[in-house]
Every structure is written in structure tokens, then in C-alpha cells.
């Protein structure tokens, strides 16, 4: 069955099939009732999105592949307007958790809500409001960077300016290069541009700086901070402690699919309780020998030399080990 829409101003008729709307139409159902129910459901989903108090709510979420449990009773909340990092080693379950929030996987147990919506059942209402940067770029190899960006911009009502976005991501020189010829870092930057082109309310970034050189990595960090300043909520995954520390408002550490700790970077790394010694040393001071001596620091001389900031920080490996529960408690 078809619904005929007539635009009096343009004197144009448009035939819209129920298959395109995703509606299963019973044989005896009236056209008006079906269309009314469809648009009421759409309005209800939009209302849930607007009224959601938290950007993401993960409640007792578990996921298994066969006999292997990759996410085990994960539970956390992401506040609107913050940068939230999932930190953990490779294989910790970060990508599975993010793909479930994006609507690509279904929880085996528990529930997830994104902007107040179910990512599976209410995907049509949710997707225009999220941007996704996957761990695997999935770019069209035969298209140029500009062509791919124009293609994705066409999916949104008010996309960002393509040329401005290419310049912002440092891809202007590579705009006419086909994706298969882009370097690994360029592909990651183009994937970030695709996630940003729709002006998302919520941005998912899965290992956003992987394969980037140090300069591109720092530039990407600045872009993520700028996105947050504009009111966008950001959830990123990383196995780099310094990336989580510099970007995130809060960090959730997960390993073997379980949540080990959730707090601000300062609390997790112990920076608030660290011993910080600042002094001015004469030129030529051997900092390596100084670190090995363990003796008291020399008195500061403010008349000459270089300022040094001495601070202890935990490595990701040590932090994970310290947060691990006793063996008996993990079963």
C-alpha cells in the first residue's frame, strides 16, 4: 500500500511506500491509524532524547561471544557535556561496550540507554544525534577524502562545512587523494571528520589517535577539547593513560570486561597526593643521576639555570595491577 503526499505550493505528488517507513501494515488496518501510530512513536522518541538527564546509562551490561564473556556486569553513567574515557589494555572489552552503545550489538544481560533512547529499538531517532569514529575506519577506497566527506554530509540536515572541516583536520592537501592512498594517520583524521560532520550531540571515539604521529595526536586532542567546549558529550576508548589523563573529566578503567575503577584522572593517578618538588638547578644538571641518588635535592638557586618540575606518576600497567581485586574475589 502507498501513501500519497500532495504539496499544494509546489503542486507535486509524492508516493511513499510503507516499506520505506519500516511499517508492517496489517491487511485490514486503516492508513490513517498506521501513520498516526508511526509519527506518535517518533515524537515520543524525540521527547525522550530531549528529557534525558544523562548522556549514557549502562546498567549491569554483559556480553559474551560463545563461551567467552567479554563484558561482565559493566555499570557506569556518562554526564552530559563531559569527556568520559574507557581505559584498558587491548581485549579489555572497550570496543564491544562502545559498539553496543552505538547500536551495533545487543546486550546479553542488562540494559543501555543513550540520550534517553534504546540504541537498537529507537535507532532511527538516535542516529542523527551521534557521531561515530570506529576503530576500523571502513572508508571507501575508491573515493577521495572530499568525496567521502560530501557523501556523509548528505546524510544530515545541517552538516558542517566540508572545506572548513578538511582544513581543521589538516586534510586540505589530501582532499583529492583516494582513501586507499592515504596514510594511516590521515585515514584516522578523515574518520574523525566523518564523525564530526553531522554536528553530533554525542561523539563516540574508539582509539581516536591510533596510528597518528605526535603532532597529529596533539592536534586531535585540541579538536576533542574544542568539541567539548561547544557542548558535545564525548566517550572515547584508549589504552594510553596520558591520553585519558589529558582529555577526560572522568575515567573508567576496565579489564577482562569488568569495571575496576571510575574516578577523575587526578584521583586515579594519585596526583593530588603526589610529592611535587620545584627548584632551579644550574645548567648541565644530570637528571638521570639525580633520580638514582635518592638523596635530598640541592637548595634552589633562583639566580640562574633551568626550572625543573619533579612529579611521580603511575603507569597504566601499575595502575591496573593496583586496582585488581584479590584472586578469590574475581570468581
Protein backbone atom coordinates (compact mmCIF):
# COMPACT_ATOMS: atom_id res chain seq x y z
CA UNK A 1 0.00 0.00 0.00
CA UNK A 2 1.15 3.58 -0.68
CA UNK A 3 0.55 6.93 0.97
CA UNK A 4 0.16 9.85 -1.45
CA UNK A 5 1.53 13.18 -0.19
CA UNK A 6 0.48 16.34 -2.07
CA UNK A 7 2.36 19.63 -1.79
CA UNK A 8 -0.05 22.40 -2.78
CA UNK A 9 2.66 25.08 -3.07
CA UNK A 10 4.81 23.05 -5.46
CA UNK A 11 1.90 21.06 -6.93
CA UNK A 12 3.89 17.86 -6.56
CA UNK A 13 2.61 14.43 -5.59
CA UNK A 14 4.93 12.03 -3.78
CA UNK A 15 4.25 8.33 -3.33
CA UNK A 16 5.74 6.95 -0.11
CA UNK A 17 5.59 3.20 0.44
CA UNK A 18 5.15 1.72 3.89
CA UNK A 19 8.21 -0.46 3.27
CA UNK A 20 10.40 2.68 3.26
CA UNK A 21 8.89 3.75 6.55
CA UNK A 22 9.67 0.37 8.06
CA UNK A 23 5.99 -0.26 8.86
CA UNK A 24 4.41 -3.70 8.72
CA UNK A 25 0.84 -2.99 7.60
CA UNK A 26 -1.96 -5.44 8.50
CA UNK A 27 -4.42 -6.07 5.68
CA UNK A 28 -7.42 -4.53 7.48
CA UNK A 29 -5.62 -1.64 9.20
CA UNK A 30 -6.56 1.85 8.18
CA UNK A 31 -3.93 4.05 6.59
CA UNK A 32 -4.54 6.96 8.99
CA UNK A 33 -4.17 4.79 12.11
CA UNK A 34 -0.86 3.32 10.97
CA UNK A 35 0.64 6.69 10.03
CA UNK A 36 -0.60 8.24 13.28
CA UNK A 37 0.99 5.47 15.36
CA UNK A 38 4.26 5.79 13.44
CA UNK A 39 4.62 9.53 13.99
CA UNK A 40 3.47 9.35 17.62
CA UNK A 41 6.27 6.83 18.27
CA UNK A 42 8.76 9.18 16.56
CA UNK A 43 7.64 12.13 18.69
CA UNK A 44 7.86 10.05 21.87
CA UNK A 45 11.44 9.07 20.99
CA UNK A 46 12.34 12.71 20.35
CA UNK A 47 10.85 13.65 23.72
CA UNK A 48 12.90 11.00 25.49
CA UNK A 49 16.04 12.35 23.84
CA UNK A 50 15.33 15.91 24.97
CA UNK A 51 14.43 14.95 28.56
CA UNK A 52 17.33 12.56 29.21
CA UNK A 53 19.26 13.70 32.29
CA UNK A 54 22.35 11.63 31.45
CA UNK A 55 24.00 11.15 28.07
CA UNK A 56 24.69 7.43 28.65
CA UNK A 57 23.45 4.96 31.26
CA UNK A 58 24.96 1.46 31.35
CA UNK A 59 23.25 -0.84 33.84
CA UNK A 60 24.62 -4.32 34.62
CA UNK A 61 25.62 -4.87 30.98
CA UNK A 62 27.14 -8.22 29.97
CA UNK A 63 28.11 -9.61 26.57
CA UNK A 64 29.56 -12.98 25.54
CA UNK A 65 30.88 -14.44 22.31
CA UNK A 66 30.24 -18.15 22.60
CA UNK A 67 31.63 -19.31 25.94
CA UNK A 68 33.89 -16.24 26.32
CA UNK A 69 32.46 -13.36 28.35
CA UNK A 70 33.97 -10.12 27.03
CA UNK A 71 31.89 -7.70 29.13
CA UNK A 72 30.92 -8.69 32.65
CA UNK A 73 28.25 -6.69 34.54
CA UNK A 74 29.56 -3.31 33.42
CA UNK A 75 27.88 -0.33 35.03
CA UNK A 76 28.58 3.41 34.62
CA UNK A 77 26.96 6.73 33.72
CA UNK A 78 28.22 9.47 31.40
CA UNK A 79 27.09 13.01 32.22
CA UNK A 80 26.05 15.43 29.51
CA UNK A 81 28.84 17.72 28.36
CA UNK A 82 31.77 15.72 29.74
CA UNK A 83 34.60 13.75 28.17
CA UNK A 84 34.43 10.21 29.51
CA UNK A 85 37.25 7.73 28.81
CA UNK A 86 37.16 3.94 28.85
CA UNK A 87 40.74 2.95 29.68
CA UNK A 88 42.12 -0.57 29.49
CA UNK A 89 44.50 -2.90 27.67
CA UNK A 90 43.71 -4.47 24.31
CA UNK A 91 40.98 -7.08 24.68
CA UNK A 92 39.51 -5.50 27.81
CA UNK A 93 36.04 -5.16 26.26
CA UNK A 94 36.15 -1.45 25.43
CA UNK A 95 35.19 -1.76 21.77
CA UNK A 96 32.36 -4.21 22.48
CA UNK A 97 30.93 -1.81 25.06
CA UNK A 98 31.08 1.13 22.66
CA UNK A 99 29.63 -0.83 19.72
CA UNK A 100 26.68 -1.80 21.95
CA UNK A 101 26.10 1.85 22.84
CA UNK A 102 26.22 2.71 19.14
CA UNK A 103 23.54 0.13 18.39
CA UNK A 104 25.68 -2.44 16.57
CA UNK A 105 25.38 -5.16 19.24
CA UNK A 106 22.65 -6.31 21.62
CA UNK A 107 23.34 -6.83 25.36
CA UNK A 108 23.06 -10.40 26.62
CA UNK A 109 22.18 -9.04 30.05
CA UNK A 110 21.35 -5.64 31.48
CA UNK A 111 20.46 -2.50 29.57
CA UNK A 112 22.00 0.58 27.96
CA UNK A 113 20.41 3.96 27.25
CA UNK A 114 21.95 6.60 25.01
CA UNK A 115 20.48 10.12 25.16
CA UNK A 116 17.48 8.51 26.85
CA UNK A 117 16.89 6.09 23.96
CA UNK A 118 17.40 2.40 23.32
CA UNK A 119 20.18 2.16 20.68
CA UNK A 120 18.50 -0.82 18.98
CA UNK A 121 14.76 -0.18 19.15
CA UNK A 122 14.99 3.61 18.77
CA UNK A 123 17.97 3.77 16.42
CA UNK A 124 16.19 5.93 13.85
CA UNK A 125 15.62 8.72 16.37
CA UNK A 126 19.10 8.37 17.91
CA UNK A 127 21.46 8.19 14.91
CA UNK A 128 21.06 11.80 13.70
CA UNK A 129 22.37 12.96 17.09
CA UNK A 130 25.52 10.83 17.40
CA UNK A 131 28.87 10.78 15.63
CA UNK A 132 30.91 7.58 15.45
CA UNK A 133 34.63 7.05 14.87
CA UNK A 134 35.20 3.31 14.61
CA UNK A 135 38.44 1.52 15.41
CA UNK A 136 38.42 0.20 11.83
CA UNK A 137 37.94 3.16 9.51
CA UNK A 138 35.87 1.41 6.80
CA UNK A 139 36.46 4.18 4.24
CA UNK A 140 35.51 3.75 0.60
CA UNK A 141 38.92 3.05 -1.02
CA UNK A 142 37.99 4.38 -4.47
CA UNK A 143 36.66 7.76 -3.30
CA UNK A 144 38.70 10.82 -2.45
CA UNK A 145 38.69 12.29 1.05
CA UNK A 146 36.46 15.15 -0.11
CA UNK A 147 34.03 12.79 -1.84
CA UNK A 148 33.65 10.60 1.24
CA UNK A 149 33.08 13.64 3.44
CA UNK A 150 30.49 15.04 0.99
CA UNK A 151 28.73 11.67 0.91
CA UNK A 152 28.42 11.52 4.71
CA UNK A 153 27.42 15.20 4.93
CA UNK A 154 24.44 14.36 2.74
CA UNK A 155 23.02 12.16 5.49
CA UNK A 156 22.43 15.16 7.80
CA UNK A 157 20.09 18.14 7.62
CA UNK A 158 22.64 20.75 8.72
CA UNK A 159 26.15 19.34 8.23
CA UNK A 160 29.37 21.20 8.85
CA UNK A 161 31.12 23.00 6.01
CA UNK A 162 33.27 20.38 4.26
CA UNK A 163 36.18 22.67 3.35
CA UNK A 164 36.37 24.08 6.88
CA UNK A 165 36.34 20.57 8.33
CA UNK A 166 39.12 19.40 5.99
CA UNK A 167 41.24 22.38 6.99
CA UNK A 168 40.51 21.85 10.68
CA UNK A 169 41.69 18.22 10.46
CA UNK A 170 44.75 19.07 8.37
CA UNK A 171 43.43 17.23 5.31
CA UNK A 172 43.17 20.06 2.78
CA UNK A 173 46.26 18.88 0.89
CA UNK A 174 44.90 15.32 0.81
CA UNK A 175 41.34 16.28 -0.17
CA UNK A 176 41.72 14.92 -3.71
CA UNK A 177 43.64 11.79 -2.68
CA UNK A 178 41.79 8.48 -2.86
CA UNK A 179 41.27 6.84 0.52
CA UNK A 180 43.34 3.76 -0.36
CA UNK A 181 46.38 6.04 -0.83
CA UNK A 182 46.01 7.92 2.46
CA UNK A 183 48.47 7.20 5.26
CA UNK A 184 47.29 5.53 8.45
CA UNK A 185 47.21 8.84 10.31
CA UNK A 186 45.34 10.57 7.50
CA UNK A 187 42.71 7.82 7.49
CA UNK A 188 42.19 8.28 11.23
CA UNK A 189 41.81 12.04 10.81
CA UNK A 190 39.31 11.53 7.97
CA UNK A 191 37.37 9.09 10.18
CA UNK A 192 37.24 11.81 12.85
CA UNK A 193 35.99 14.30 10.27
CA UNK A 194 33.19 11.89 9.29
CA UNK A 195 32.19 11.61 12.95
CA UNK A 196 32.05 15.41 13.28
CA UNK A 197 30.37 16.34 10.00
CA UNK A 198 26.82 15.95 11.37
CA UNK A 199 27.36 18.26 14.39
CA UNK A 200 26.62 15.44 16.87
CA UNK A 201 25.27 15.84 20.38
CA UNK A 202 27.21 12.75 21.46
CA UNK A 203 30.53 11.67 19.96
CA UNK A 204 31.94 8.11 20.15
CA UNK A 205 35.69 7.84 19.55
CA UNK A 206 37.23 4.35 19.51
CA UNK A 207 41.03 4.67 19.80
CA UNK A 208 40.95 8.12 18.11
CA UNK A 209 44.71 8.73 17.92
CA UNK A 210 45.86 5.25 16.88
CA UNK A 211 48.44 5.38 14.04
CA UNK A 212 48.83 9.16 14.40
CA UNK A 213 52.19 10.88 14.64
CA UNK A 214 52.81 13.05 17.75
CA UNK A 215 51.91 16.29 16.00
CA UNK A 216 48.61 14.95 14.63
CA UNK A 217 47.87 13.41 18.03
CA UNK A 218 48.21 16.76 19.80
CA UNK A 219 46.07 18.44 17.13
CA UNK A 220 43.38 15.78 17.58
CA UNK A 221 43.39 16.37 21.33
CA UNK A 222 42.76 20.08 20.72
CA UNK A 223 39.85 19.26 18.40
CA UNK A 224 38.31 16.97 21.03
CA UNK A 225 38.64 19.69 23.68
CA UNK A 226 37.06 22.20 21.31
CA UNK A 227 34.16 19.82 20.63
CA UNK A 228 33.54 19.59 24.35
CA UNK A 229 33.59 23.38 24.71
CA UNK A 230 30.77 23.51 22.17
CA UNK A 231 28.61 21.32 24.41
CA UNK A 232 29.14 17.91 22.83
CA UNK A 233 29.46 14.87 25.10
CA UNK A 234 32.44 12.65 24.20
CA UNK A 235 33.01 8.99 25.03
CA UNK A 236 36.43 7.73 23.95
CA UNK A 237 38.30 4.47 24.39
CA UNK A 238 42.06 4.31 24.80
CA UNK A 239 44.83 2.21 26.31
CA UNK A 240 47.04 5.31 26.77
CA UNK A 241 46.99 6.68 30.30
CA UNK A 242 48.38 10.07 29.25
CA UNK A 243 45.60 10.49 26.67
CA UNK A 244 42.90 9.73 29.24
CA UNK A 245 44.60 11.98 31.79
CA UNK A 246 44.86 14.98 29.46
CA UNK A 247 41.42 14.75 27.88
CA UNK A 248 38.92 13.10 30.20
CA UNK A 249 36.85 14.57 33.01
CA UNK A 250 36.36 11.03 34.32
CA UNK A 251 37.98 7.71 33.52
CA UNK A 252 36.59 4.18 33.83
CA UNK A 253 39.29 1.50 33.96
CA UNK A 254 38.14 -1.87 32.67
CA UNK A 255 39.95 -5.18 32.27
CA UNK A 256 38.57 -8.58 31.25
CA UNK A 257 35.23 -6.84 30.77
CA UNK A 258 34.90 -5.70 34.37
CA UNK A 259 34.94 -2.22 35.85
CA UNK A 260 37.97 -1.85 38.14
CA UNK A 261 37.80 1.85 38.96
CA UNK A 262 35.94 5.03 38.00
CA UNK A 263 37.08 8.48 39.05
CA UNK A 264 38.77 11.65 37.86
CA UNK A 265 42.27 11.27 36.35
CA UNK A 266 43.81 13.12 39.29
CA UNK A 267 42.29 10.73 41.82
CA UNK A 268 43.17 7.62 39.82
CA UNK A 269 46.80 8.58 39.28
CA UNK A 270 47.30 9.94 42.79
CA UNK A 271 48.44 13.32 41.52
CA UNK A 272 46.60 15.07 44.33
CA UNK A 273 48.75 13.20 46.84
CA UNK A 274 51.98 13.15 44.81
CA UNK A 275 55.14 14.79 46.02
CA UNK A 276 55.95 17.66 43.69
CA UNK A 277 59.28 19.41 44.08
CA UNK A 278 60.07 22.52 42.05
CA UNK A 279 63.52 24.02 42.04
CA UNK A 280 66.03 25.80 39.82
CA UNK A 281 69.22 23.89 39.07
CA UNK A 282 72.46 25.09 37.45
CA UNK A 283 72.90 24.33 33.73
CA UNK A 284 74.18 20.85 32.92
CA UNK A 285 72.45 19.04 35.79
CA UNK A 286 72.28 15.28 35.08
CA UNK A 287 68.64 14.46 35.86
CA UNK A 288 69.23 10.72 35.44
CA UNK A 289 71.84 10.63 38.17
CA UNK A 290 69.67 12.84 40.32
CA UNK A 291 66.80 10.37 40.05
CA UNK A 292 69.04 7.46 41.03
CA UNK A 293 70.66 9.04 44.07
CA UNK A 294 67.58 9.22 46.29
CA UNK A 295 69.37 11.91 48.27
CA UNK A 296 67.84 15.24 49.28
CA UNK A 297 67.61 17.80 46.49
CA UNK A 298 70.08 20.69 46.48
CA UNK A 299 68.90 24.05 47.67
CA UNK A 300 67.22 26.04 44.88
CA UNK A 301 69.20 28.76 43.19
CA UNK A 302 66.80 31.22 41.56
CA UNK A 303 69.55 33.34 40.06
CA UNK A 304 70.31 31.04 37.11
CA UNK A 305 69.63 27.70 35.50
CA UNK A 306 66.53 25.83 34.38
CA UNK A 307 63.30 25.25 36.26
CA UNK A 308 62.51 21.59 36.89
CA UNK A 309 59.21 20.03 37.91
CA UNK A 310 59.62 16.64 39.60
CA UNK A 311 56.50 14.51 39.88
CA UNK A 312 55.76 10.80 40.21
CA UNK A 313 53.03 9.30 38.07
CA UNK A 314 51.70 5.76 37.84
CA UNK A 315 51.98 3.79 34.62
CA UNK A 316 48.82 2.19 33.20
CA UNK A 317 50.16 -1.30 33.93
CA UNK A 318 50.92 -0.47 37.59
CA UNK A 319 47.58 1.27 37.95
CA UNK A 320 45.70 -1.73 36.59
CA UNK A 321 47.63 -4.08 38.85
CA UNK A 322 46.90 -1.94 41.89
CA UNK A 323 43.19 -1.87 41.06
CA UNK A 324 42.84 -5.62 40.51
CA UNK A 325 40.71 -7.35 43.13
CA UNK A 326 42.18 -10.31 45.03
CA UNK A 327 42.11 -13.56 43.03
CA UNK A 328 39.40 -15.09 45.21
CA UNK A 329 37.16 -12.04 44.70
CA UNK A 330 37.22 -12.30 40.90
CA UNK A 331 35.21 -15.53 40.79
